[in-house]
PDBML (XML) file of the C-alpha atoms, coordinates in Angstrom:
<?xml version="1.0" encoding="UTF-8" ?>
<PDBx:datablock datablockName="MODEL"
   xmlns:PDBx="http://pdbml.pdb.org/schema/pdbx-v50.xsd"
   xmlns:xsi="http://www.w3.org/2001/XMLSchema-instance"
   xsi:schemaLocation="http://pdbml.pdb.org/schema/pdbx-v50.xsd pdbx-v50.xsd">
   <PDBx:atom_siteCategory>
      <PDBx:atom_site id="1">
         <PDBx:B_iso_or_equiv>0.00</PDBx:B_iso_or_equiv>
         <PDBx:Cartn_x>23.408</PDBx:Cartn_x>
         <PDBx:Cartn_y>-19.642</PDBx:Cartn_y>
         <PDBx:Cartn_z>-26.629</PDBx:Cartn_z>
         <PDBx:auth_asym_id>A</PDBx:auth_asym_id>
         <PDBx:auth_atom_id>CA</PDBx:auth_atom_id>
         <PDBx:auth_comp_id>LYS</PDBx:auth_comp_id>
         <PDBx:auth_seq_id>1</PDBx:auth_seq_id>
         <PDBx:group_PDB>ATOM</PDBx:group_PDB>
         <PDBx:label_alt_id xsi:nil="true" />
         <PDBx:label_asym_id>A</PDBx:label_asym_id>
         <PDBx:label_atom_id>CA</PDBx:label_atom_id>
         <PDBx:label_comp_id>LYS</PDBx:label_comp_id>
         <PDBx:label_entity_id>1</PDBx:label_entity_id>
         <PDBx:label_seq_id>1</PDBx:label_seq_id>
         <PDBx:occupancy>1.00</PDBx:occupancy>
         <PDBx:pdbx_PDB_model_num>1</PDBx:pdbx_PDB_model_num>
         <PDBx:type_symbol>C</PDBx:type_symbol>
      </PDBx:atom_site>
      <PDBx:atom_site id="2">
         <PDBx:B_iso_or_equiv>0.00</PDBx:B_iso_or_equiv>
         <PDBx:Cartn_x>24.018</PDBx:Cartn_x>
         <PDBx:Cartn_y>-18.027</PDBx:Cartn_y>
         <PDBx:Cartn_z>-29.491</PDBx:Cartn_z>
         <PDBx:auth_asym_id>A</PDBx:auth_asym_id>
         <PDBx:auth_atom_id>CA</PDBx:auth_atom_id>
         <PDBx:auth_comp_id>GLU</PDBx:auth_comp_id>
         <PDBx:auth_seq_id>2</PDBx:auth_seq_id>
         <PDBx:group_PDB>ATOM</PDBx:group_PDB>
         <PDBx:label_alt_id xsi:nil="true" />
         <PDBx:label_asym_id>A</PDBx:label_asym_id>
         <PDBx:label_atom_id>CA</PDBx:label_atom_id>
         <PDBx:label_comp_id>GLU</PDBx:label_comp_id>
         <PDBx:label_entity_id>1</PDBx:label_entity_id>
         <PDBx:label_seq_id>2</PDBx:label_seq_id>
         <PDBx:occupancy>1.00</PDBx:occupancy>
         <PDBx:pdbx_PDB_model_num>1</PDBx:pdbx_PDB_model_num>
         <PDBx:type_symbol>C</PDBx:type_symbol>
      </PDBx:atom_site>
      <PDBx:atom_site id="3">
         <PDBx:B_iso_or_equiv>0.00</PDBx:B_iso_or_equiv>
         <PDBx:Cartn_x>28.149</PDBx:Cartn_x>
         <PDBx:Cartn_y>-17.531</PDBx:Cartn_y>
         <PDBx:Cartn_z>-30.882</PDBx:Cartn_z>
         <PDBx:auth_asym_id>A</PDBx:auth_asym_id>
         <PDBx:auth_atom_id>CA</PDBx:auth_atom_id>
         <PDBx:auth_comp_id>VAL</PDBx:auth_comp_id>
         <PDBx:auth_seq_id>3</PDBx:auth_seq_id>
         <PDBx:group_PDB>ATOM</PDBx:group_PDB>
         <PDBx:label_alt_id xsi:nil="true" />
         <PDBx:label_asym_id>A</PDBx:label_asym_id>
         <PDBx:label_atom_id>CA</PDBx:label_atom_id>
         <PDBx:label_comp_id>VAL</PDBx:label_comp_id>
         <PDBx:label_entity_id>1</PDBx:label_entity_id>
         <PDBx:label_seq_id>3</PDBx:label_seq_id>
         <PDBx:occupancy>1.00</PDBx:occupancy>
         <PDBx:pdbx_PDB_model_num>1</PDBx:pdbx_PDB_model_num>
         <PDBx:type_symbol>C</PDBx:type_symbol>
      </PDBx:atom_site>
      <PDBx:atom_site id="4">
         <PDBx:B_iso_or_equiv>0.00</PDBx:B_iso_or_equiv>
         <PDBx:Cartn_x>28.193</PDBx:Cartn_x>
         <PDBx:Cartn_y>-14.994</PDBx:Cartn_y>
         <PDBx:Cartn_z>-33.295</PDBx:Cartn_z>
         <PDBx:auth_asym_id>A</PDBx:auth_asym_id>
         <PDBx:auth_atom_id>CA</PDBx:auth_atom_id>
         <PDBx:auth_comp_id>ASN</PDBx:auth_comp_id>
         <PDBx:auth_seq_id>4</PDBx:auth_seq_id>
         <PDBx:group_PDB>ATOM</PDBx:group_PDB>
         <PDBx:label_alt_id xsi:nil="true" />
         <PDBx:label_asym_id>A</PDBx:label_asym_id>
         <PDBx:label_atom_id>CA</PDBx:label_atom_id>
         <PDBx:label_comp_id>ASN</PDBx:label_comp_id>
         <PDBx:label_entity_id>1</PDBx:label_entity_id>
         <PDBx:label_seq_id>4</PDBx:label_seq_id>
         <PDBx:occupancy>1.00</PDBx:occupancy>
         <PDBx:pdbx_PDB_model_num>1</PDBx:pdbx_PDB_model_num>
         <PDBx:type_symbol>C</PDBx:type_symbol>
      </PDBx:atom_site>
      <PDBx:atom_site id="5">
         <PDBx:B_iso_or_equiv>0.00</PDBx:B_iso_or_equiv>
         <PDBx:Cartn_x>31.973</PDBx:Cartn_x>
         <PDBx:Cartn_y>-15.060</PDBx:Cartn_y>
         <PDBx:Cartn_z>-35.019</PDBx:Cartn_z>
         <PDBx:auth_asym_id>A</PDBx:auth_asym_id>
         <PDBx:auth_atom_id>CA</PDBx:auth_atom_id>
         <PDBx:auth_comp_id>PHE</PDBx:auth_comp_id>
         <PDBx:auth_seq_id>5</PDBx:auth_seq_id>
         <PDBx:group_PDB>ATOM</PDBx:group_PDB>
         <PDBx:label_alt_id xsi:nil="true" />
         <PDBx:label_asym_id>A</PDBx:label_asym_id>
         <PDBx:label_atom_id>CA</PDBx:label_atom_id>
         <PDBx:label_comp_id>PHE</PDBx:label_comp_id>
         <PDBx:label_entity_id>1</PDBx:label_entity_id>
         <PDBx:label_seq_id>5</PDBx:label_seq_id>
         <PDBx:occupancy>1.00</PDBx:occupancy>
         <PDBx:pdbx_PDB_model_num>1</PDBx:pdbx_PDB_model_num>
         <PDBx:type_symbol>C</PDBx:type_symbol>
      </PDBx:atom_site>
      <PDBx:atom_site id="6">
         <PDBx:B_iso_or_equiv>0.00</PDBx:B_iso_or_equiv>
         <PDBx:Cartn_x>31.405</PDBx:Cartn_x>
         <PDBx:Cartn_y>-12.148</PDBx:Cartn_y>
         <PDBx:Cartn_z>-36.710</PDBx:Cartn_z>
         <PDBx:auth_asym_id>A</PDBx:auth_asym_id>
         <PDBx:auth_atom_id>CA</PDBx:auth_atom_id>
         <PDBx:auth_comp_id>LEU</PDBx:auth_comp_id>
         <PDBx:auth_seq_id>6</PDBx:auth_seq_id>
         <PDBx:group_PDB>ATOM</PDBx:group_PDB>
         <PDBx:label_alt_id xsi:nil="true" />
         <PDBx:label_asym_id>A</PDBx:label_asym_id>
         <PDBx:label_atom_id>CA</PDBx:label_atom_id>
         <PDBx:label_comp_id>LEU</PDBx:label_comp_id>
         <PDBx:label_entity_id>1</PDBx:label_entity_id>
         <PDBx:label_seq_id>6</PDBx:label_seq_id>
         <PDBx:occupancy>1.00</PDBx:occupancy>
         <PDBx:pdbx_PDB_model_num>1</PDBx:pdbx_PDB_model_num>
         <PDBx:type_symbol>C</PDBx:type_symbol>
      </PDBx:atom_site>
      <PDBx:atom_site id="7">
         <PDBx:B_iso_or_equiv>0.00</PDBx:B_iso_or_equiv>
         <PDBx:Cartn_x>30.842</PDBx:Cartn_x>
         <PDBx:Cartn_y>-10.219</PDBx:Cartn_y>
         <PDBx:Cartn_z>-33.640</PDBx:Cartn_z>
         <PDBx:auth_asym_id>A</PDBx:auth_asym_id>
         <PDBx:auth_atom_id>CA</PDBx:auth_atom_id>
         <PDBx:auth_comp_id>ARG</PDBx:auth_comp_id>
         <PDBx:auth_seq_id>7</PDBx:auth_seq_id>
         <PDBx:group_PDB>ATOM</PDBx:group_PDB>
         <PDBx:label_alt_id xsi:nil="true" />
         <PDBx:label_asym_id>A</PDBx:label_asym_id>
         <PDBx:label_atom_id>CA</PDBx:label_atom_id>
         <PDBx:label_comp_id>ARG</PDBx:label_comp_id>
         <PDBx:label_entity_id>1</PDBx:label_entity_id>
         <PDBx:label_seq_id>7</PDBx:label_seq_id>
         <PDBx:occupancy>1.00</PDBx:occupancy>
         <PDBx:pdbx_PDB_model_num>1</PDBx:pdbx_PDB_model_num>
         <PDBx:type_symbol>C</PDBx:type_symbol>
      </PDBx:atom_site>
      <PDBx:atom_site id="8">
         <PDBx:B_iso_or_equiv>0.00</PDBx:B_iso_or_equiv>
         <PDBx:Cartn_x>33.824</PDBx:Cartn_x>
         <PDBx:Cartn_y>-11.652</PDBx:Cartn_y>
         <PDBx:Cartn_z>-31.514</PDBx:Cartn_z>
         <PDBx:auth_asym_id>A</PDBx:auth_asym_id>
         <PDBx:auth_atom_id>CA</PDBx:auth_atom_id>
         <PDBx:auth_comp_id>ARG</PDBx:auth_comp_id>
         <PDBx:auth_seq_id>8</PDBx:auth_seq_id>
         <PDBx:group_PDB>ATOM</PDBx:group_PDB>
         <PDBx:label_alt_id xsi:nil="true" />
         <PDBx:label_asym_id>A</PDBx:label_asym_id>
         <PDBx:label_atom_id>CA</PDBx:label_atom_id>
         <PDBx:label_comp_id>ARG</PDBx:label_comp_id>
         <PDBx:label_entity_id>1</PDBx:label_entity_id>
         <PDBx:label_seq_id>8</PDBx:label_seq_id>
         <PDBx:occupancy>1.00</PDBx:occupancy>
         <PDBx:pdbx_PDB_model_num>1</PDBx:pdbx_PDB_model_num>
         <PDBx:type_symbol>C</PDBx:type_symbol>
      </PDBx:atom_site>
      <PDBx:atom_site id="9">
         <PDBx:B_iso_or_equiv>0.00</PDBx:B_iso_or_equiv>
         <PDBx:Cartn_x>36.639</PDBx:Cartn_x>
         <PDBx:Cartn_y>-11.899</PDBx:Cartn_y>
         <PDBx:Cartn_z>-34.282</PDBx:Cartn_z>
         <PDBx:auth_asym_id>A</PDBx:auth_asym_id>
         <PDBx:auth_atom_id>CA</PDBx:auth_atom_id>
         <PDBx:auth_comp_id>ASP</PDBx:auth_comp_id>
         <PDBx:auth_seq_id>9</PDBx:auth_seq_id>
         <PDBx:group_PDB>ATOM</PDBx:group_PDB>
         <PDBx:label_alt_id xsi:nil="true" />
         <PDBx:label_asym_id>A</PDBx:label_asym_id>
         <PDBx:label_atom_id>CA</PDBx:label_atom_id>
         <PDBx:label_comp_id>ASP</PDBx:label_comp_id>
         <PDBx:label_entity_id>1</PDBx:label_entity_id>
         <PDBx:label_seq_id>9</PDBx:label_seq_id>
         <PDBx:occupancy>1.00</PDBx:occupancy>
         <PDBx:pdbx_PDB_model_num>1</PDBx:pdbx_PDB_model_num>
         <PDBx:type_symbol>C</PDBx:type_symbol>
      </PDBx:atom_site>
      <PDBx:atom_site id="10">
         <PDBx:B_iso_or_equiv>0.00</PDBx:B_iso_or_equiv>
         <PDBx:Cartn_x>35.197</PDBx:Cartn_x>
         <PDBx:Cartn_y>-8.529</PDBx:Cartn_y>
         <PDBx:Cartn_z>-36.484</PDBx:Cartn_z>
         <PDBx:auth_asym_id>A</PDBx:auth_asym_id>
         <PDBx:auth_atom_id>CA</PDBx:auth_atom_id>
         <PDBx:auth_comp_id>SER</PDBx:auth_comp_id>
         <PDBx:auth_seq_id>10</PDBx:auth_seq_id>
         <PDBx:group_PDB>ATOM</PDBx:group_PDB>
         <PDBx:label_alt_id xsi:nil="true" />
         <PDBx:label_asym_id>A</PDBx:label_asym_id>
         <PDBx:label_atom_id>CA</PDBx:label_atom_id>
         <PDBx:label_comp_id>SER</PDBx:label_comp_id>
         <PDBx:label_entity_id>1</PDBx:label_entity_id>
         <PDBx:label_seq_id>10</PDBx:label_seq_id>
         <PDBx:occupancy>1.00</PDBx:occupancy>
         <PDBx:pdbx_PDB_model_num>1</PDBx:pdbx_PDB_model_num>
         <PDBx:type_symbol>C</PDBx:type_symbol>
      </PDBx:atom_site>
      <PDBx:atom_site id="11">
         <PDBx:B_iso_or_equiv>0.00</PDBx:B_iso_or_equiv>
         <PDBx:Cartn_x>36.135</PDBx:Cartn_x>
         <PDBx:Cartn_y>-4.964</PDBx:Cartn_y>
         <PDBx:Cartn_z>-35.446</PDBx:Cartn_z>
         <PDBx:auth_asym_id>A</PDBx:auth_asym_id>
         <PDBx:auth_atom_id>CA</PDBx:auth_atom_id>
         <PDBx:auth_comp_id>GLU</PDBx:auth_comp_id>
         <PDBx:auth_seq_id>11</PDBx:auth_seq_id>
         <PDBx:group_PDB>ATOM</PDBx:group_PDB>
         <PDBx:label_alt_id xsi:nil="true" />
         <PDBx:label_asym_id>A</PDBx:label_asym_id>
         <PDBx:label_atom_id>CA</PDBx:label_atom_id>
         <PDBx:label_comp_id>GLU</PDBx:label_comp_id>
         <PDBx:label_entity_id>1</PDBx:label_entity_id>
         <PDBx:label_seq_id>11</PDBx:label_seq_id>
         <PDBx:occupancy>1.00</PDBx:occupancy>
         <PDBx:pdbx_PDB_model_num>1</PDBx:pdbx_PDB_model_num>
         <PDBx:type_symbol>C</PDBx:type_symbol>
      </PDBx:atom_site>
      <PDBx:atom_site id="12">
         <PDBx:B_iso_or_equiv>0.00</PDBx:B_iso_or_equiv>
         <PDBx:Cartn_x>33.191</PDBx:Cartn_x>
         <PDBx:Cartn_y>-3.513</PDBx:Cartn_y>
         <PDBx:Cartn_z>-35.913</PDBx:Cartn_z>
         <PDBx:auth_asym_id>A</PDBx:auth_asym_id>
         <PDBx:auth_atom_id>CA</PDBx:auth_atom_id>
         <PDBx:auth_comp_id>ALA</PDBx:auth_comp_id>
         <PDBx:auth_seq_id>12</PDBx:auth_seq_id>
         <PDBx:group_PDB>ATOM</PDBx:group_PDB>
         <PDBx:label_alt_id xsi:nil="true" />
         <PDBx:label_asym_id>A</PDBx:label_asym_id>
         <PDBx:label_atom_id>CA</PDBx:label_atom_id>
         <PDBx:label_comp_id>ALA</PDBx:label_comp_id>
         <PDBx:label_entity_id>1</PDBx:label_entity_id>
         <PDBx:label_seq_id>12</PDBx:label_seq_id>
         <PDBx:occupancy>1.00</PDBx:occupancy>
         <PDBx:pdbx_PDB_model_num>1</PDBx:pdbx_PDB_model_num>
         <PDBx:type_symbol>C</PDBx:type_symbol>
      </PDBx:atom_site>
      <PDBx:atom_site id="13">
         <PDBx:B_iso_or_equiv>0.00</PDBx:B_iso_or_equiv>
         <PDBx:Cartn_x>31.894</PDBx:Cartn_x>
         <PDBx:Cartn_y>-6.446</PDBx:Cartn_y>
         <PDBx:Cartn_z>-33.716</PDBx:Cartn_z>
         <PDBx:auth_asym_id>A</PDBx:auth_asym_id>
         <PDBx:auth_atom_id>CA</PDBx:auth_atom_id>
         <PDBx:auth_comp_id>GLY</PDBx:auth_comp_id>
         <PDBx:auth_seq_id>13</PDBx:auth_seq_id>
         <PDBx:group_PDB>ATOM</PDBx:group_PDB>
         <PDBx:label_alt_id xsi:nil="true" />
         <PDBx:label_asym_id>A</PDBx:label_asym_id>
         <PDBx:label_atom_id>CA</PDBx:label_atom_id>
         <PDBx:label_comp_id>GLY</PDBx:label_comp_id>
         <PDBx:label_entity_id>1</PDBx:label_entity_id>
         <PDBx:label_seq_id>13</PDBx:label_seq_id>
         <PDBx:occupancy>1.00</PDBx:occupancy>
         <PDBx:pdbx_PDB_model_num>1</PDBx:pdbx_PDB_model_num>
         <PDBx:type_symbol>C</PDBx:type_symbol>
      </PDBx:atom_site>
      <PDBx:atom_site id="14">
         <PDBx:B_iso_or_equiv>0.00</PDBx:B_iso_or_equiv>
         <PDBx:Cartn_x>34.202</PDBx:Cartn_x>
         <PDBx:Cartn_y>-5.677</PDBx:Cartn_y>
         <PDBx:Cartn_z>-30.600</PDBx:Cartn_z>
         <PDBx:auth_asym_id>A</PDBx:auth_asym_id>
         <PDBx:auth_atom_id>CA</PDBx:auth_atom_id>
         <PDBx:auth_comp_id>GLN</PDBx:auth_comp_id>
         <PDBx:auth_seq_id>14</PDBx:auth_seq_id>
         <PDBx:group_PDB>ATOM</PDBx:group_PDB>
         <PDBx:label_alt_id xsi:nil="true" />
         <PDBx:label_asym_id>A</PDBx:label_asym_id>
         <PDBx:label_atom_id>CA</PDBx:label_atom_id>
         <PDBx:label_comp_id>GLN</PDBx:label_comp_id>
         <PDBx:label_entity_id>1</PDBx:label_entity_id>
         <PDBx:label_seq_id>14</PDBx:label_seq_id>
         <PDBx:occupancy>1.00</PDBx:occupancy>
         <PDBx:pdbx_PDB_model_num>1</PDBx:pdbx_PDB_model_num>
         <PDBx:type_symbol>C</PDBx:type_symbol>
      </PDBx:atom_site>
      <PDBx:atom_site id="15">
         <PDBx:B_iso_or_equiv>0.00</PDBx:B_iso_or_equiv>
         <PDBx:Cartn_x>33.806</PDBx:Cartn_x>
         <PDBx:Cartn_y>-1.901</PDBx:Cartn_y>
         <PDBx:Cartn_z>-31.227</PDBx:Cartn_z>
         <PDBx:auth_asym_id>A</PDBx:auth_asym_id>
         <PDBx:auth_atom_id>CA</PDBx:auth_atom_id>
         <PDBx:auth_comp_id>LYS</PDBx:auth_comp_id>
         <PDBx:auth_seq_id>15</PDBx:auth_seq_id>
         <PDBx:group_PDB>ATOM</PDBx:group_PDB>
         <PDBx:label_alt_id xsi:nil="true" />
         <PDBx:label_asym_id>A</PDBx:label_asym_id>
         <PDBx:label_atom_id>CA</PDBx:label_atom_id>
         <PDBx:label_comp_id>LYS</PDBx:label_comp_id>
         <PDBx:label_entity_id>1</PDBx:label_entity_id>
         <PDBx:label_seq_id>15</PDBx:label_seq_id>
         <PDBx:occupancy>1.00</PDBx:occupancy>
         <PDBx:pdbx_PDB_model_num>1</PDBx:pdbx_PDB_model_num>
         <PDBx:type_symbol>C</PDBx:type_symbol>
      </PDBx:atom_site>
      <PDBx:atom_site id="16">
         <PDBx:B_iso_or_equiv>0.00</PDBx:B_iso_or_equiv>
         <PDBx:Cartn_x>29.836</PDBx:Cartn_x>
         <PDBx:Cartn_y>-2.830</PDBx:Cartn_y>
         <PDBx:Cartn_z>-30.542</PDBx:Cartn_z>
         <PDBx:auth_asym_id>A</PDBx:auth_asym_id>
         <PDBx:auth_atom_id>CA</PDBx:auth_atom_id>
         <PDBx:auth_comp_id>CYS</PDBx:auth_comp_id>
         <PDBx:auth_seq_id>16</PDBx:auth_seq_id>
         <PDBx:group_PDB>ATOM</PDBx:group_PDB>
         <PDBx:label_alt_id xsi:nil="true" />
         <PDBx:label_asym_id>A</PDBx:label_asym_id>
         <PDBx:label_atom_id>CA</PDBx:label_atom_id>
         <PDBx:label_comp_id>CYS</PDBx:label_comp_id>
         <PDBx:label_entity_id>1</PDBx:label_entity_id>
         <PDBx:label_seq_id>16</PDBx:label_seq_id>
         <PDBx:occupancy>1.00</PDBx:occupancy>
         <PDBx:pdbx_PDB_model_num>1</PDBx:pdbx_PDB_model_num>
         <PDBx:type_symbol>C</PDBx:type_symbol>
      </PDBx:atom_site>
      <PDBx:atom_site id="17">
         <PDBx:B_iso_or_equiv>0.00</PDBx:B_iso_or_equiv>
         <PDBx:Cartn_x>30.946</PDBx:Cartn_x>
         <PDBx:Cartn_y>-4.843</PDBx:Cartn_y>
         <PDBx:Cartn_z>-27.378</PDBx:Cartn_z>
         <PDBx:auth_asym_id>A</PDBx:auth_asym_id>
         <PDBx:auth_atom_id>CA</PDBx:auth_atom_id>
         <PDBx:auth_comp_id>CYS</PDBx:auth_comp_id>
         <PDBx:auth_seq_id>17</PDBx:auth_seq_id>
         <PDBx:group_PDB>ATOM</PDBx:group_PDB>
         <PDBx:label_alt_id xsi:nil="true" />
         <PDBx:label_asym_id>A</PDBx:label_asym_id>
         <PDBx:label_atom_id>CA</PDBx:label_atom_id>
         <PDBx:label_comp_id>CYS</PDBx:label_comp_id>
         <PDBx:label_entity_id>1</PDBx:label_entity_id>
         <PDBx:label_seq_id>17</PDBx:label_seq_id>
         <PDBx:occupancy>1.00</PDBx:occupancy>
         <PDBx:pdbx_PDB_model_num>1</PDBx:pdbx_PDB_model_num>
         <PDBx:type_symbol>C</PDBx:type_symbol>
      </PDBx:atom_site>
      <PDBx:atom_site id="18">
         <PDBx:B_iso_or_equiv>0.00</PDBx:B_iso_or_equiv>
         <PDBx:Cartn_x>32.755</PDBx:Cartn_x>
         <PDBx:Cartn_y>-1.859</PDBx:Cartn_y>
         <PDBx:Cartn_z>-26.088</PDBx:Cartn_z>
         <PDBx:auth_asym_id>A</PDBx:auth_asym_id>
         <PDBx:auth_atom_id>CA</PDBx:auth_atom_id>
         <PDBx:auth_comp_id>THR</PDBx:auth_comp_id>
         <PDBx:auth_seq_id>18</PDBx:auth_seq_id>
         <PDBx:group_PDB>ATOM</PDBx:group_PDB>
         <PDBx:label_alt_id xsi:nil="true" />
         <PDBx:label_asym_id>A</PDBx:label_asym_id>
         <PDBx:label_atom_id>CA</PDBx:label_atom_id>
         <PDBx:label_comp_id>THR</PDBx:label_comp_id>
         <PDBx:label_entity_id>1</PDBx:label_entity_id>
         <PDBx:label_seq_id>18</PDBx:label_seq_id>
         <PDBx:occupancy>1.00</PDBx:occupancy>
         <PDBx:pdbx_PDB_model_num>1</PDBx:pdbx_PDB_model_num>
         <PDBx:type_symbol>C</PDBx:type_symbol>
      </PDBx:atom_site>
      <PDBx:atom_site id="19">
         <PDBx:B_iso_or_equiv>0.00</PDBx:B_iso_or_equiv>
         <PDBx:Cartn_x>29.664</PDBx:Cartn_x>
         <PDBx:Cartn_y>0.893</PDBx:Cartn_y>
         <PDBx:Cartn_z>-27.304</PDBx:Cartn_z>
         <PDBx:auth_asym_id>A</PDBx:auth_asym_id>
         <PDBx:auth_atom_id>CA</PDBx:auth_atom_id>
         <PDBx:auth_comp_id>PHE</PDBx:auth_comp_id>
         <PDBx:auth_seq_id>19</PDBx:auth_seq_id>
         <PDBx:group_PDB>ATOM</PDBx:group_PDB>
         <PDBx:label_alt_id xsi:nil="true" />
         <PDBx:label_asym_id>A</PDBx:label_asym_id>
         <PDBx:label_atom_id>CA</PDBx:label_atom_id>
         <PDBx:label_comp_id>PHE</PDBx:label_comp_id>
         <PDBx:label_entity_id>1</PDBx:label_entity_id>
         <PDBx:label_seq_id>19</PDBx:label_seq_id>
         <PDBx:occupancy>1.00</PDBx:occupancy>
         <PDBx:pdbx_PDB_model_num>1</PDBx:pdbx_PDB_model_num>
         <PDBx:type_symbol>C</PDBx:type_symbol>
      </PDBx:atom_site>
      <PDBx:atom_site id="20">
         <PDBx:B_iso_or_equiv>0.00</PDBx:B_iso_or_equiv>
         <PDBx:Cartn_x>27.454</PDBx:Cartn_x>
         <PDBx:Cartn_y>-1.891</PDBx:Cartn_y>
         <PDBx:Cartn_z>-24.996</PDBx:Cartn_z>
         <PDBx:auth_asym_id>A</PDBx:auth_asym_id>
         <PDBx:auth_atom_id>CA</PDBx:auth_atom_id>
         <PDBx:auth_comp_id>GLN</PDBx:auth_comp_id>
         <PDBx:auth_seq_id>20</PDBx:auth_seq_id>
         <PDBx:group_PDB>ATOM</PDBx:group_PDB>
         <PDBx:label_alt_id xsi:nil="true" />
         <PDBx:label_asym_id>A</PDBx:label_asym_id>
         <PDBx:label_atom_id>CA</PDBx:label_atom_id>
         <PDBx:label_comp_id>GLN</PDBx:label_comp_id>
         <PDBx:label_entity_id>1</PDBx:label_entity_id>
         <PDBx:label_seq_id>20</PDBx:label_seq_id>
         <PDBx:occupancy>1.00</PDBx:occupancy>
         <PDBx:pdbx_PDB_model_num>1</PDBx:pdbx_PDB_model_num>
         <PDBx:type_symbol>C</PDBx:type_symbol>
      </PDBx:atom_site>
      <PDBx:atom_site id="21">
         <PDBx:B_iso_or_equiv>0.00</PDBx:B_iso_or_equiv>
         <PDBx:Cartn_x>30.128</PDBx:Cartn_x>
         <PDBx:Cartn_y>-1.947</PDBx:Cartn_y>
         <PDBx:Cartn_z>-21.698</PDBx:Cartn_z>
         <PDBx:auth_asym_id>A</PDBx:auth_asym_id>
         <PDBx:auth_atom_id>CA</PDBx:auth_atom_id>
         <PDBx:auth_comp_id>HIS</PDBx:auth_comp_id>
         <PDBx:auth_seq_id>21</PDBx:auth_seq_id>
         <PDBx:group_PDB>ATOM</PDBx:group_PDB>
         <PDBx:label_alt_id xsi:nil="true" />
         <PDBx:label_asym_id>A</PDBx:label_asym_id>
         <PDBx:label_atom_id>CA</PDBx:label_atom_id>
         <PDBx:label_comp_id>HIS</PDBx:label_comp_id>
         <PDBx:label_entity_id>1</PDBx:label_entity_id>
         <PDBx:label_seq_id>21</PDBx:label_seq_id>
         <PDBx:occupancy>1.00</PDBx:occupancy>
         <PDBx:pdbx_PDB_model_num>1</PDBx:pdbx_PDB_model_num>
         <PDBx:type_symbol>C</PDBx:type_symbol>
      </PDBx:atom_site>
      <PDBx:atom_site id="22">
         <PDBx:B_iso_or_equiv>0.00</PDBx:B_iso_or_equiv>
         <PDBx:Cartn_x>30.618</PDBx:Cartn_x>
         <PDBx:Cartn_y>1.922</PDBx:Cartn_y>
         <PDBx:Cartn_z>-22.455</PDBx:Cartn_z>
         <PDBx:auth_asym_id>A</PDBx:auth_asym_id>
         <PDBx:auth_atom_id>CA</PDBx:auth_atom_id>
         <PDBx:auth_comp_id>TRP</PDBx:auth_comp_id>
         <PDBx:auth_seq_id>22</PDBx:auth_seq_id>
         <PDBx:group_PDB>ATOM</PDBx:group_PDB>
         <PDBx:label_alt_id xsi:nil="true" />
         <PDBx:label_asym_id>A</PDBx:label_asym_id>
         <PDBx:label_atom_id>CA</PDBx:label_atom_id>
         <PDBx:label_comp_id>TRP</PDBx:label_comp_id>
         <PDBx:label_entity_id>1</PDBx:label_entity_id>
         <PDBx:label_seq_id>22</PDBx:label_seq_id>
         <PDBx:occupancy>1.00</PDBx:occupancy>
         <PDBx:pdbx_PDB_model_num>1</PDBx:pdbx_PDB_model_num>
         <PDBx:type_symbol>C</PDBx:type_symbol>
      </PDBx:atom_site>
      <PDBx:atom_site id="23">
         <PDBx:B_iso_or_equiv>0.00</PDBx:B_iso_or_equiv>
         <PDBx:Cartn_x>26.978</PDBx:Cartn_x>
         <PDBx:Cartn_y>3.157</PDBx:Cartn_y>
         <PDBx:Cartn_z>-22.301</PDBx:Cartn_z>
         <PDBx:auth_asym_id>A</PDBx:auth_asym_id>
         <PDBx:auth_atom_id>CA</PDBx:auth_atom_id>
         <PDBx:auth_comp_id>VAL</PDBx:auth_comp_id>
         <PDBx:auth_seq_id>23</PDBx:auth_seq_id>
         <PDBx:group_PDB>ATOM</PDBx:group_PDB>
         <PDBx:label_alt_id xsi:nil="true" />
         <PDBx:label_asym_id>A</PDBx:label_asym_id>
         <PDBx:label_atom_id>CA</PDBx:label_atom_id>
         <PDBx:label_comp_id>VAL</PDBx:label_comp_id>
         <PDBx:label_entity_id>1</PDBx:label_entity_id>
         <PDBx:label_seq_id>23</PDBx:label_seq_id>
         <PDBx:occupancy>1.00</PDBx:occupancy>
         <PDBx:pdbx_PDB_model_num>1</PDBx:pdbx_PDB_model_num>
         <PDBx:type_symbol>C</PDBx:type_symbol>
      </PDBx:atom_site>
      <PDBx:atom_site id="24">
         <PDBx:B_iso_or_equiv>0.00</PDBx:B_iso_or_equiv>
         <PDBx:Cartn_x>26.618</PDBx:Cartn_x>
         <PDBx:Cartn_y>0.433</PDBx:Cartn_y>
         <PDBx:Cartn_z>-18.863</PDBx:Cartn_z>
         <PDBx:auth_asym_id>A</PDBx:auth_asym_id>
         <PDBx:auth_atom_id>CA</PDBx:auth_atom_id>
         <PDBx:auth_comp_id>TYR</PDBx:auth_comp_id>
         <PDBx:auth_seq_id>24</PDBx:auth_seq_id>
         <PDBx:group_PDB>ATOM</PDBx:group_PDB>
         <PDBx:label_alt_id xsi:nil="true" />
         <PDBx:label_asym_id>A</PDBx:label_asym_id>
         <PDBx:label_atom_id>CA</PDBx:label_atom_id>
         <PDBx:label_comp_id>TYR</PDBx:label_comp_id>
         <PDBx:label_entity_id>1</PDBx:label_entity_id>
         <PDBx:label_seq_id>24</PDBx:label_seq_id>
         <PDBx:occupancy>1.00</PDBx:occupancy>
         <PDBx:pdbx_PDB_model_num>1</PDBx:pdbx_PDB_model_num>
         <PDBx:type_symbol>C</PDBx:type_symbol>
      </PDBx:atom_site>
   </PDBx:atom_siteCategory>
</PDBx:datablock>
């Protein structure tokens, strides 16, 4: 339900999502 635009649009946010994927 939570859509965080800073997560989706910021470089740090995208790299955090990639970090999660990498660890997974």
